[in-house]
C-alpha atoms as a PDB file:
ATOM      1  CA  MET A   1      20.917  37.361 -89.755  1.00  0.00           C
ATOM      2  CA  GLY A   2      21.341  34.155 -87.367  1.00  0.00           C
ATOM      3  CA  ASP A   3      19.826  31.758 -89.544  1.00  0.00           C
ATOM      4  CA  ILE A   4      21.448  33.093 -92.691  1.00  0.00           C
ATOM      5  CA  VAL A   5      24.551  31.866 -94.351  1.00  0.00           C
ATOM      6  CA  ARG A   6      26.230  34.474 -96.462  1.00  0.00           C
ATOM      7  CA  SER A   7      27.286  32.502 -99.839  1.00  0.00           C
ATOM      8  CA  GLN A   8      28.712  33.085-103.222  1.00  0.00           C
ATOM      9  CA  CYS A   9      28.127  31.149-106.297  1.00  0.00           C
ATOM     10  CA  ARG A  10      29.458  31.187-109.830  1.00  0.00           C
ATOM     11  CA  LEU A  11      26.393  31.327-112.388  1.00  0.00           C
ATOM     12  CA  PRO A  12      26.845  31.059-116.171  1.00  0.00           C
ATOM     13  CA  ARG A  13      25.500  34.142-117.956  1.00  0.00           C
ATOM     14  CA  GLU A  14      22.551  32.744-119.125  1.00  0.00           C
ATOM     15  CA  LEU A  15      21.215  31.829-116.166  1.00  0.00           C
ATOM     16  CA  ASN A  16      22.203  35.041-114.122  1.00  0.00           C
ATOM     17  CA  ASP A  17      20.098  37.506-116.975  1.00  0.00           C
ATOM     18  CA  TRP A  18      17.123  34.943-116.407  1.00  0.00           C
ATOM     19  CA  LEU A  19      17.407  35.283-113.094  1.00  0.00           C
ATOM     20  CA  ILE A  20      17.614  39.155-113.245  1.00  0.00           C
ATOM     21  CA  GLU A  21      14.705  39.236-115.225  1.00  0.00           C
ATOM     22  CA  ARG A  22      12.509  36.940-113.134  1.00  0.00           C
ATOM     23  CA  ALA A  23      13.554  38.932-109.982  1.00  0.00           C
ATOM     24  CA  LYS A  24      12.399  42.236-111.936  1.00  0.00           C
ATOM     25  CA  GLN A  25       9.030  40.557-112.835  1.00  0.00           C
ATOM     26  CA  GLU A  26       8.744  39.655-109.227  1.00  0.00           C
ATOM     27  CA  THR A  27       9.955  43.118-107.552  1.00  0.00           C
ATOM     28  CA  ARG A  28      12.216  41.442-105.895  1.00  0.00           C
ATOM     29  CA  SER A  29      16.446  41.462-105.729  1.00  0.00           C
ATOM     30  CA  LYS A  30      18.089  38.793-107.478  1.00  0.00           C
ATOM     31  CA  ASN A  31      19.188  37.177-104.471  1.00  0.00           C
ATOM     32  CA  ALA A  32      15.265  36.974-103.228  1.00  0.00           C
ATOM     33  CA  GLN A  33      14.364  35.612-106.315  1.00  0.00           C
ATOM     34  CA  LEU A  34      17.223  32.598-106.347  1.00  0.00           C
ATOM     35  CA  VAL A  35      15.566  31.923-102.653  1.00  0.00           C
ATOM     36  CA  VAL A  36      12.299  31.756-104.024  1.00  0.00           C
ATOM     37  CA  GLU A  37      13.627  29.483-106.860  1.00  0.00           C
ATOM     38  CA  LEU A  38      15.584  27.526-104.755  1.00  0.00           C
ATOM     39  CA  ARG A  39      12.551  26.653-102.504  1.00  0.00           C
ATOM     40  CA  THR A  40      10.366  26.301-105.406  1.00  0.00           C
ATOM     41  CA  ARG A  41      12.710  23.789-106.896  1.00  0.00           C
ATOM     42  CA  ARG A  42      13.333  21.815-103.298  1.00  0.00           C
ATOM     43  CA  ALA A  43       9.393  21.792-102.669  1.00  0.00           C
ATOM     44  CA  GLU A  44       9.127  20.342-106.209  1.00  0.00           C
ATOM     45  CA  LEU A  45      11.677  17.366-105.487  1.00  0.00           C
ATOM     46  CA  GLU A  46      10.058  16.889-101.739  1.00  0.00           C
ATOM     47  CA  ASP A  47       6.673  16.497-103.860  1.00  0.00           C
ATOM     48  CA  GLU A  48       8.062  13.531-106.440  1.00  0.00           C
ATOM     49  CA  ALA A  49       9.522  12.356-103.092  1.00  0.00           C
ATOM     50  CA  VAL A  50       6.309  11.781-101.321  1.00  0.00           C
ATOM     51  CA  CYS A  51       4.664  10.539-104.281  1.00  0.00           C
ATOM     52  CA  ARG A  52       6.942   8.229-104.926  1.00  0.00           C
ATOM     53  CA  GLY A  53       6.675   6.985-101.445  1.00  0.00           C
ATOM     54  CA  CYS A  54       2.520   6.526-102.271  1.00  0.00           C
ATOM     55  CA  ALA A  55       3.322   4.660-105.227  1.00  0.00           C
ATOM     56  CA  SER A  56       5.129   1.917-103.273  1.00  0.00           C
ATOM     57  CA  ASP A  57       2.247   1.869-100.852  1.00  0.00           C
ATOM     58  CA  ALA A  58      -0.037   1.602-103.060  1.00  0.00           C
ATOM     59  CA  PRO A  59      -2.757  -1.858-103.564  1.00  0.00           C
ATOM     60  CA  ALA A  60      -1.406  -4.068-105.571  1.00  0.00           C
ATOM     61  CA  SER A  61      -2.358  -4.147-109.221  1.00  0.00           C
ATOM     62  CA  PRO A  62      -5.990  -6.188-109.921  1.00  0.00           C
ATOM     63  CA  THR A  63      -3.657  -9.010-111.506  1.00  0.00           C
ATOM     64  CA  SER A  64      -1.301  -9.454-108.289  1.00  0.00           C
ATOM     65  CA  ARG A  65      -4.445  -9.859-106.337  1.00  0.00           C
ATOM     66  CA  GLN A  66      -5.797 -12.339-108.725  1.00  0.00           C
ATOM     67  CA  GLU A  67      -2.468 -14.400-108.265  1.00  0.00           C
ATOM     68  CA  GLU A  68      -2.544 -13.913-104.278  1.00  0.00           C
ATOM     69  CA  VAL A  69      -6.342 -15.751-104.648  1.00  0.00           C
ATOM     70  CA  SER A  70      -5.195 -18.355-106.755  1.00  0.00           C
ATOM     71  CA  GLU A  71      -2.244 -19.151-104.387  1.00  0.00           C
ATOM     72  CA  ARG A  72      -4.844 -19.424-101.561  1.00  0.00           C
ATOM     73  CA  ASP A  73      -6.992 -21.800-103.254  1.00  0.00           C
END
């Protein structure tokens, strides 16, 4: 358990009930389901960040390119 941190958190009852139900559906403990849900959300956020990064690396719009060409002429 060297890389595991023991934690205690408070959840709203409806979120706790949802988590328990999800854990039953997936045949996991509530704790294991919480880890899965958090990892899933973290991956989603990381993917969104990568997508935002890709959008800023995207080539300029055709209008912007046309303006660049016009400025050179």
